[in-house]
Protein backbone atom coordinates (compact mmCIF):
# COMPACT_ATOMS: atom_id res chain seq x y z
CA MET A 1 -89.91 134.78 -133.57
CA THR A 2 -90.60 136.98 -130.61
CA GLU A 3 -91.28 133.96 -128.40
CA ILE A 4 -87.95 132.37 -129.39
CA VAL A 5 -86.10 135.60 -128.58
CA MET A 6 -87.78 135.82 -125.18
CA ASN A 7 -86.84 132.22 -124.40
CA GLN A 8 -83.25 132.93 -125.34
CA SER A 9 -83.24 136.00 -123.09
CA GLU A 10 -84.66 134.04 -120.19
CA LEU A 11 -82.08 131.31 -120.73
CA ALA A 12 -79.24 133.85 -120.75
CA ALA A 13 -80.54 135.44 -117.54
CA GLU A 14 -80.80 132.04 -115.86
CA ILE A 15 -77.26 131.11 -116.90
CA ALA A 16 -75.96 134.46 -115.61
CA ALA A 17 -77.76 133.98 -112.29
CA ARG A 18 -76.27 130.51 -111.85
CA LEU A 19 -72.80 131.79 -112.66
CA ARG A 20 -73.17 134.50 -110.03
CA GLU A 21 -74.21 131.89 -107.47
CA GLU A 22 -71.25 129.65 -108.32
CA VAL A 23 -68.81 132.54 -108.15
CA ALA A 24 -70.21 133.63 -104.78
CA ALA A 25 -69.98 130.06 -103.48
CA ALA A 26 -66.37 129.79 -104.64
CA ILE A 27 -65.42 133.06 -102.96
CA LYS A 28 -67.12 131.95 -99.75
CA ALA A 29 -65.24 128.64 -99.82
CA GLN A 30 -61.89 130.41 -100.23
CA ASN A 31 -62.58 132.80 -97.34
CA VAL A 32 -63.54 130.22 -94.72
CA GLY A 33 -61.93 131.24 -91.41
CA VAL A 34 -60.71 134.60 -92.74
CA ALA A 35 -62.15 137.74 -91.16
CA THR A 36 -63.53 140.17 -93.68
CA ALA A 37 -63.26 143.13 -91.31
CA ALA A 38 -59.90 144.33 -90.02
CA PRO A 39 -59.33 142.78 -86.59
CA THR A 40 -58.51 144.98 -83.62
CA ALA A 41 -55.91 144.74 -80.88
CA GLU A 42 -58.58 143.31 -78.56
CA ASP A 43 -59.00 140.22 -80.76
CA GLY A 44 -56.70 137.98 -78.71
CA ALA A 45 -53.50 139.87 -79.46
CA SER A 46 -50.47 138.31 -77.75
CA PHE A 47 -46.95 137.32 -78.61
CA GLY A 48 -48.11 133.72 -78.95
CA ASP A 49 -50.81 134.79 -81.38
CA PHE A 50 -48.26 136.89 -83.26
CA LEU A 51 -46.02 133.82 -83.62
CA LYS A 52 -48.99 131.78 -84.83
CA CYS A 53 -49.73 134.44 -87.46
CA VAL A 54 -46.11 134.29 -88.60
CA ALA A 55 -46.27 130.49 -88.77
CA THR A 56 -49.48 130.53 -90.82
CA ASN A 57 -48.37 133.56 -92.86
CA ASP A 58 -51.54 135.43 -91.84
CA VAL A 59 -50.35 138.68 -93.39
CA GLN A 60 -53.76 140.36 -92.99
CA ARG A 61 -53.81 139.93 -89.22
CA LEU A 62 -50.10 140.72 -88.88
CA ARG A 63 -50.66 144.04 -90.58
CA ALA A 64 -54.05 144.93 -89.09
CA VAL A 65 -53.51 143.93 -85.44
CA TYR A 66 -49.74 144.03 -85.01
CA LYS A 67 -48.81 146.64 -87.63
CA SER A 68 -45.97 144.27 -88.57
CA SER A 69 -44.29 144.38 -91.95
CA LYS A 70 -41.72 142.24 -93.72
CA ALA A 71 -38.13 142.58 -92.56
CA LEU A 72 -36.06 142.94 -95.71
CA ASP A 73 -32.47 141.77 -96.04
CA GLU A 74 -30.51 144.41 -97.96
CA THR A 75 -27.90 141.86 -99.01
CA THR A 76 -30.34 139.60 -100.85
CA GLY A 77 -33.31 141.79 -101.62
CA SER A 78 -35.70 139.10 -100.40
CA GLY A 79 -38.04 139.10 -97.42
CA GLY A 80 -36.54 137.75 -94.23
CA GLY A 81 -39.44 137.45 -91.78
CA PHE A 82 -41.70 139.87 -89.90
CA LEU A 83 -40.70 142.73 -87.61
CA VAL A 84 -41.58 142.09 -83.97
CA PRO A 85 -44.11 144.67 -82.66
CA THR A 86 -42.72 147.23 -80.23
CA GLN A 87 -44.71 146.01 -77.21
CA PHE A 88 -43.29 142.49 -77.58
CA GLU A 89 -39.81 143.75 -78.40
CA GLU A 90 -39.66 145.63 -75.10
CA ARG A 91 -40.87 142.53 -73.29
CA ILE A 92 -38.10 140.47 -74.90
CA ARG A 93 -35.50 143.06 -73.92
CA ALA A 94 -36.77 143.13 -70.33
CA VAL A 95 -36.25 139.38 -69.97
CA GLY A 96 -32.49 139.96 -70.13
CA ALA A 97 -32.53 141.85 -66.80
CA PRO A 98 -30.74 139.11 -64.80
CA MET A 99 -27.91 138.98 -67.34
CA LEU A 100 -24.62 140.88 -67.11
CA PHE A 101 -25.22 143.34 -69.94
CA ASP A 102 -28.64 144.47 -68.74
CA GLN A 103 -27.39 144.67 -65.14
CA LEU A 104 -24.67 147.07 -66.22
CA VAL A 105 -27.16 149.25 -68.10
CA ALA A 106 -29.62 149.24 -65.17
CA ALA A 107 -26.82 150.27 -62.78
CA GLY A 108 -25.86 153.23 -64.96
CA ARG A 109 -22.52 151.62 -65.81
CA GLY A 110 -23.35 150.23 -69.24
CA PRO A 111 -22.34 151.41 -72.71
CA LEU A 112 -23.88 154.18 -74.76
CA MET A 113 -26.95 152.56 -76.40
CA LEU A 114 -28.24 153.92 -79.71
CA ARG A 115 -30.98 152.72 -82.06
CA THR A 116 -31.36 153.40 -85.74
CA ASN A 117 -33.64 152.50 -88.63
CA ALA A 118 -30.82 153.08 -91.12
CA ALA A 119 -28.30 150.62 -92.50
CA GLU A 120 -25.52 152.60 -90.83
CA LEU A 121 -25.01 155.33 -88.27
CA ALA A 122 -22.22 157.92 -88.34
CA LEU A 123 -21.07 159.45 -85.05
CA PRO A 124 -18.77 162.47 -84.93
CA VAL A 125 -16.22 161.98 -82.13
CA LEU A 126 -13.22 163.92 -80.94
CA GLU A 127 -9.77 162.65 -81.80
CA GLN A 128 -8.51 162.08 -78.29
CA ASP A 129 -5.54 159.83 -79.01
CA GLN A 130 -3.11 162.56 -80.04
CA ALA A 131 -0.37 163.97 -77.79
CA PRO A 132 -1.90 167.12 -76.28
CA ASN A 133 -0.29 170.48 -75.68
CA VAL A 134 0.90 170.69 -72.07
CA GLU A 135 -1.67 173.44 -71.50
CA SER A 136 -4.53 171.32 -72.86
CA SER A 137 -5.78 167.74 -72.50
CA ALA A 138 -6.44 164.82 -74.79
CA LEU A 139 -9.91 164.65 -73.23
CA VAL A 140 -10.94 167.80 -75.09
CA GLY A 141 -9.38 166.85 -78.41
CA GLY A 142 -6.63 169.46 -78.32
CA VAL A 143 -8.84 172.49 -77.67
CA ARG A 144 -7.24 174.94 -75.27
CA LEU A 145 -7.67 178.44 -73.98
CA ILE A 146 -4.58 180.46 -74.88
CA TRP A 147 -3.39 183.47 -72.91
CA ARG A 148 -3.58 186.65 -74.94
CA GLU A 149 -2.23 190.14 -74.34
CA GLN A 150 -4.63 193.01 -74.88
CA SER A 151 -5.19 193.79 -78.60
CA ALA A 152 -3.11 190.79 -79.67
CA ASP A 153 -4.35 188.28 -82.25
CA VAL A 154 -6.12 185.13 -81.07
CA ALA A 155 -3.95 182.03 -81.51
CA GLU A 156 -5.49 179.13 -83.45
CA SER A 157 -6.81 176.18 -81.45
CA GLU A 158 -9.30 173.87 -83.15
CA PRO A 159 -10.73 170.52 -82.09
CA LYS A 160 -10.12 167.55 -84.34
CA PHE A 161 -13.09 165.36 -85.20
CA GLU A 162 -13.45 162.04 -86.92
CA GLN A 163 -16.46 160.00 -88.01
CA ARG A 164 -17.20 156.58 -86.56
CA ILE A 165 -19.38 154.48 -88.84
CA PHE A 166 -21.51 151.80 -87.22
CA ARG A 167 -23.09 149.21 -89.51
CA PRO A 168 -25.30 146.81 -87.53
CA HIS A 169 -24.40 143.17 -88.24
CA ALA A 170 -27.04 140.45 -88.43
CA ALA A 171 -27.24 137.68 -85.83
CA ASP A 172 -29.91 134.98 -85.66
CA ALA A 173 -31.28 132.60 -83.03
CA TYR A 174 -32.46 129.24 -84.37
CA VAL A 175 -35.14 127.46 -82.27
CA ALA A 176 -36.77 124.18 -83.33
CA ALA A 177 -40.09 122.91 -81.90
CA SER A 178 -42.27 119.91 -82.70
CA THR A 179 -44.88 120.42 -85.40
CA GLU A 180 -47.56 119.03 -83.08
CA LEU A 181 -46.81 121.58 -80.36
CA ILE A 182 -46.93 124.47 -82.78
CA SER A 183 -50.18 123.22 -84.33
CA ASP A 184 -51.94 122.37 -81.07
CA ALA A 185 -50.79 125.14 -78.73
CA PRO A 186 -48.58 127.83 -80.27
CA GLN A 187 -49.33 130.16 -77.35
CA ALA A 188 -47.69 127.61 -75.03
CA LEU A 189 -44.37 128.52 -76.63
CA GLU A 190 -44.78 132.20 -75.86
CA ASP A 191 -43.04 132.46 -72.46
CA THR A 192 -40.37 129.95 -73.42
CA LEU A 193 -39.43 131.70 -76.66
CA VAL A 194 -39.55 135.18 -75.10
CA THR A 195 -37.25 134.05 -72.27
CA LEU A 196 -34.85 132.15 -74.50
CA PHE A 197 -34.53 134.90 -77.07
CA GLY A 198 -34.38 137.77 -74.56
CA ARG A 199 -31.62 136.18 -72.52
CA ALA A 200 -29.74 134.97 -75.59
CA TYR A 201 -29.73 138.55 -76.88
CA ALA A 202 -28.38 139.87 -73.55
CA VAL A 203 -25.65 137.20 -73.66
CA LEU A 204 -24.77 138.15 -77.24
CA LYS A 205 -24.36 141.82 -76.32
CA ALA A 206 -22.15 141.02 -73.34
CA ARG A 207 -20.02 138.66 -75.40
CA VAL A 208 -19.33 141.04 -78.27
CA MET A 209 -18.84 144.05 -75.99
CA LEU A 210 -16.08 142.13 -74.22
CA ARG A 211 -14.57 139.93 -76.94
CA GLY A 212 -16.11 140.81 -80.30
CA THR A 213 -13.63 140.46 -83.16
CA GLY A 214 -14.88 143.36 -85.27
CA VAL A 215 -15.08 141.06 -88.31
CA GLY A 216 -18.75 140.59 -89.19
CA GLN A 217 -19.61 141.51 -85.61
CA PRO A 218 -19.02 144.34 -83.10
CA ARG A 219 -15.51 145.03 -81.75
CA GLY A 220 -14.94 144.22 -78.11
CA ILE A 221 -12.80 145.73 -75.37
CA VAL A 222 -10.39 142.85 -74.73
CA GLY A 223 -7.34 143.26 -76.95
CA HIS A 224 -8.58 146.52 -78.50
CA PRO A 225 -5.83 149.07 -79.40
CA ALA A 226 -7.35 151.54 -76.89
CA THR A 227 -7.15 149.00 -74.04
CA ILE A 228 -4.08 149.21 -71.83
CA SER A 229 -2.62 145.85 -70.81
CA VAL A 230 -1.11 145.79 -67.32
CA THR A 231 1.60 143.21 -66.59
CA ARG A 232 0.94 141.06 -63.54
CA ALA A 233 3.13 141.73 -60.53
CA THR A 234 5.59 139.01 -59.52
CA GLY A 235 8.09 138.37 -56.76
CA GLY A 236 5.74 138.31 -53.79
CA THR A 237 3.01 136.07 -52.46
CA GLN A 238 -0.10 135.49 -54.58
CA VAL A 239 -2.06 137.99 -52.45
CA GLU A 240 0.70 140.61 -52.71
CA ASN A 241 1.03 140.13 -56.46
CA ASP A 242 -2.74 140.34 -57.05
CA THR A 243 -2.99 143.46 -54.87
CA ASP A 244 -0.15 145.19 -56.71
CA THR A 245 -1.68 144.26 -60.07
CA VAL A 246 -5.08 145.63 -59.09
CA LEU A 247 -3.52 148.90 -57.92
CA ALA A 248 -1.54 149.17 -61.17
CA MET A 249 -4.74 148.72 -63.17
CA ILE A 250 -6.47 151.46 -61.18
CA GLN A 251 -3.52 153.78 -61.85
CA ARG A 252 -3.95 153.35 -65.62
CA LEU A 253 -7.70 154.00 -65.58
CA LEU A 254 -8.76 157.31 -67.12
CA PRO A 255 -9.10 159.83 -64.25
CA GLY A 256 -12.65 160.90 -63.56
CA SER A 257 -14.19 157.60 -64.66
CA ALA A 258 -16.97 157.73 -62.08
CA THR A 259 -18.96 154.92 -63.73
CA ALA A 260 -16.10 152.44 -64.04
CA VAL A 261 -16.72 148.77 -63.29
CA TRP A 262 -14.56 145.69 -62.80
CA ILE A 263 -15.51 142.78 -65.04
CA ALA A 264 -13.90 139.53 -63.98
CA HIS A 265 -13.88 135.88 -64.90
CA PRO A 266 -15.83 134.05 -62.12
CA PHE A 267 -12.70 132.20 -60.98
CA TRP A 268 -11.08 135.51 -60.02
CA ARG A 269 -13.49 135.98 -57.13
CA SER A 270 -11.58 134.07 -54.42
CA ARG A 271 -8.32 135.79 -55.37
CA LEU A 272 -9.82 139.26 -55.41
CA MET A 273 -11.46 138.65 -52.03
CA ALA A 274 -7.98 138.22 -50.53
CA THR A 275 -6.48 141.49 -51.83
CA ARG A 276 -5.60 143.96 -49.09
CA LEU A 277 -3.65 147.09 -48.21
CA GLY A 278 -2.08 146.30 -44.87
CA ASP A 279 -4.97 145.09 -42.72
CA THR A 280 -7.64 146.63 -44.96
CA LEU A 281 -9.38 144.39 -47.47
CA LEU A 282 -9.83 145.94 -50.91
CA TYR A 283 -12.77 143.61 -51.56
CA ILE A 284 -16.17 144.18 -49.95
CA ALA A 285 -18.71 141.41 -50.58
CA ASN A 286 -22.43 142.08 -50.33
CA GLY A 287 -23.65 139.24 -52.54
CA GLN A 288 -26.59 141.29 -53.82
CA SER A 289 -27.27 142.95 -57.17
CA LEU A 290 -24.61 144.80 -59.11
CA VAL A 291 -25.84 148.17 -57.81
CA TYR A 292 -25.17 147.24 -54.15
CA GLY A 293 -22.95 144.23 -54.73
CA ASP A 294 -19.30 143.36 -54.40
CA THR A 295 -16.76 146.14 -54.78
CA LEU A 296 -13.00 146.20 -55.23
CA ALA A 297 -11.29 149.41 -54.07
CA GLY A 298 -14.73 151.00 -54.07
CA ILE A 299 -15.49 150.04 -57.69
CA PRO A 300 -18.37 147.59 -58.37
CA ILE A 301 -17.52 144.13 -59.69
CA ALA A 302 -19.44 142.10 -62.26
CA TYR A 303 -18.52 138.56 -63.24
CA SER A 304 -18.69 137.18 -66.75
CA GLU A 305 -18.13 133.74 -68.19
CA HIS A 306 -17.33 135.42 -71.51
CA LEU A 307 -13.91 136.61 -70.40
CA PRO A 308 -10.86 134.39 -70.99
CA ALA A 309 -9.67 131.97 -68.29
CA VAL A 310 -7.86 133.39 -65.25
CA ASN A 311 -4.33 132.84 -66.59
CA SER A 312 -5.16 134.50 -69.93
CA ALA A 313 -4.90 138.13 -70.97
CA GLY A 314 -8.17 139.98 -70.42
CA SER A 315 -9.53 137.73 -67.67
CA LEU A 316 -9.83 140.85 -65.47
CA VAL A 317 -10.97 144.15 -66.96
CA LEU A 318 -11.47 147.63 -65.52
CA ALA A 319 -13.70 149.63 -67.85
CA ASP A 320 -15.58 152.90 -68.15
CA LEU A 321 -18.23 151.69 -70.58
CA SER A 322 -19.50 155.21 -71.28
CA TYR A 323 -16.65 155.19 -73.83
CA TYR A 324 -18.23 152.23 -75.63
CA ALA A 325 -21.12 152.62 -78.08
CA MET A 326 -23.55 149.91 -79.17
CA VAL A 327 -25.93 150.54 -82.05
CA GLU A 328 -29.06 148.44 -82.58
CA ARG A 329 -31.39 148.31 -85.54
CA ALA A 330 -34.74 149.41 -84.17
CA SER A 331 -36.66 146.14 -84.55
CA PHE A 332 -36.18 142.41 -84.11
CA SER A 333 -37.48 140.07 -86.78
CA VAL A 334 -39.00 136.61 -86.61
CA ALA A 335 -39.40 134.05 -89.39
CA PHE A 336 -40.89 130.53 -89.46
CA SER A 337 -40.28 127.45 -91.58
CA GLU A 338 -41.87 124.01 -91.48
CA HIS A 339 -39.54 122.65 -94.17
CA VAL A 340 -36.01 122.90 -92.73
CA ARG A 341 -36.43 119.94 -90.33
CA PHE A 342 -39.38 118.28 -92.06
CA LEU A 343 -38.14 114.70 -91.61
CA LYS A 344 -37.76 115.29 -87.87
CA ARG A 345 -41.34 116.61 -87.72
CA GLN A 346 -40.07 119.88 -86.36
CA SER A 347 -40.61 123.46 -87.38
CA VAL A 348 -38.09 126.23 -86.91
CA TRP A 349 -38.31 129.76 -85.53
CA LEU A 350 -35.59 132.16 -86.60
CA PHE A 351 -35.22 135.34 -84.53
CA GLY A 352 -33.01 138.06 -85.93
CA VAL A 353 -31.24 141.11 -84.51
CA ARG A 354 -28.76 143.56 -85.97
CA ILE A 355 -26.17 145.30 -83.80
CA ASP A 356 -22.77 146.93 -84.00
CA GLY A 357 -20.49 148.29 -81.32
CA ALA A 358 -16.97 149.52 -80.63
CA PRO A 359 -14.94 151.66 -78.22
CA LEU A 360 -15.21 155.38 -78.97
CA VAL A 361 -11.45 155.85 -78.67
CA ASN A 362 -8.74 154.45 -80.92
CA ALA A 363 -5.83 154.44 -78.48
CA PRO A 364 -4.95 155.32 -74.86
CA PHE A 365 -4.93 158.97 -73.78
CA ILE A 366 -1.54 160.65 -73.47
CA LEU A 367 -1.31 162.73 -70.32
CA ALA A 368 -0.42 166.41 -70.64
CA ASP A 369 2.38 166.07 -68.09
CA GLY A 370 5.11 166.62 -70.66
CA ALA A 371 6.53 163.10 -70.33
CA GLY A 372 4.97 162.06 -73.63
CA ASN A 373 4.59 158.38 -72.76
CA ASN A 374 2.38 158.33 -69.68
CA THR A 375 -0.97 156.96 -70.82
CA VAL A 376 -4.37 156.19 -69.30
CA SER A 377 -7.50 154.69 -70.83
CA PRO A 378 -11.18 154.00 -70.16
CA PHE A 379 -10.27 150.33 -70.71
CA VAL A 380 -7.60 148.44 -68.76
CA GLN A 381 -7.05 144.69 -68.84
CA ILE A 382 -4.72 142.28 -67.11
CA ALA A 383 -1.95 140.63 -69.11
CA ALA A 384 -1.44 136.88 -69.32
CA GLY A 385 0.23 135.18 -66.36
CA THR A 386 -0.43 133.37 -63.12
């Protein structure tokens, strides 16, 4: 009896040992090619490698090396891709340097740029679109110093504030690439995708800052209620009319706008170059960067294909963009799918950003000259005409 029990015990031990071996072998088979230790930033970290990790859904490496987490879409509650690491995000932003928007920012003539991790951002701003007391100014929201006799009561004078709510809207860039290229050399896509996305983002910001509708996207300057529209001069030669129109636009610009910039449709250039006061040209052409480039009446000029055609309203704009705010969600996101264009043997990258923007004033400023209808604004555009 004892011998039988011992044989049964030995058999049970042998079965247990074989099970352990099979389990270990199965675990080893499942972990082929997967690092057991957390990788470090020195383990070939690059934007190309990051994209490869997104494509293969290598969550372990994305978290350990790139500290990247899922980008969630509040409207659906489902995951929408991975957040781009900060070092690559800055590289993507830097690629937009040759584009209009980034040139304006670099020259100190761009909009107020804010970033947030929240779904919305509230900014308290002065109500500057009310008729001011003749002893005050709309620029200070109605606050004024009031003369007071000795021992007399202080007269009431309070600023008026309002809240501007910015809710960054989602925008995506859709880039398809062959499955073979992604499988064989994902890093080869790195420079191309960084350049494409970075410049596309700079173009998007310029477009919405100028002509955004405000419906599902930021609100632009052209046609905004705060933008003054100046009627084109008529009755003279083309040069005389253009010169008079330019001078009228300068007159309606908010005084003290030291960072103002002209933004013009490219086809305005030859006409602006001809403007003159007597024998003095208003236009000075340097042909270099925005900082030292062309000026009109001493104000730098930038050209944008995103403005309407020359005969349309808003084809020439004079703007102090310090009165425009653009709010970005802090991180880009990137997602990958090999299914969307499966029959074409292509895979798709989807880059996502979230931004909002709008002028910080609701209407033109009323001057405190007592007339009641003399207005100026940080934003002036040309009306339609020839």
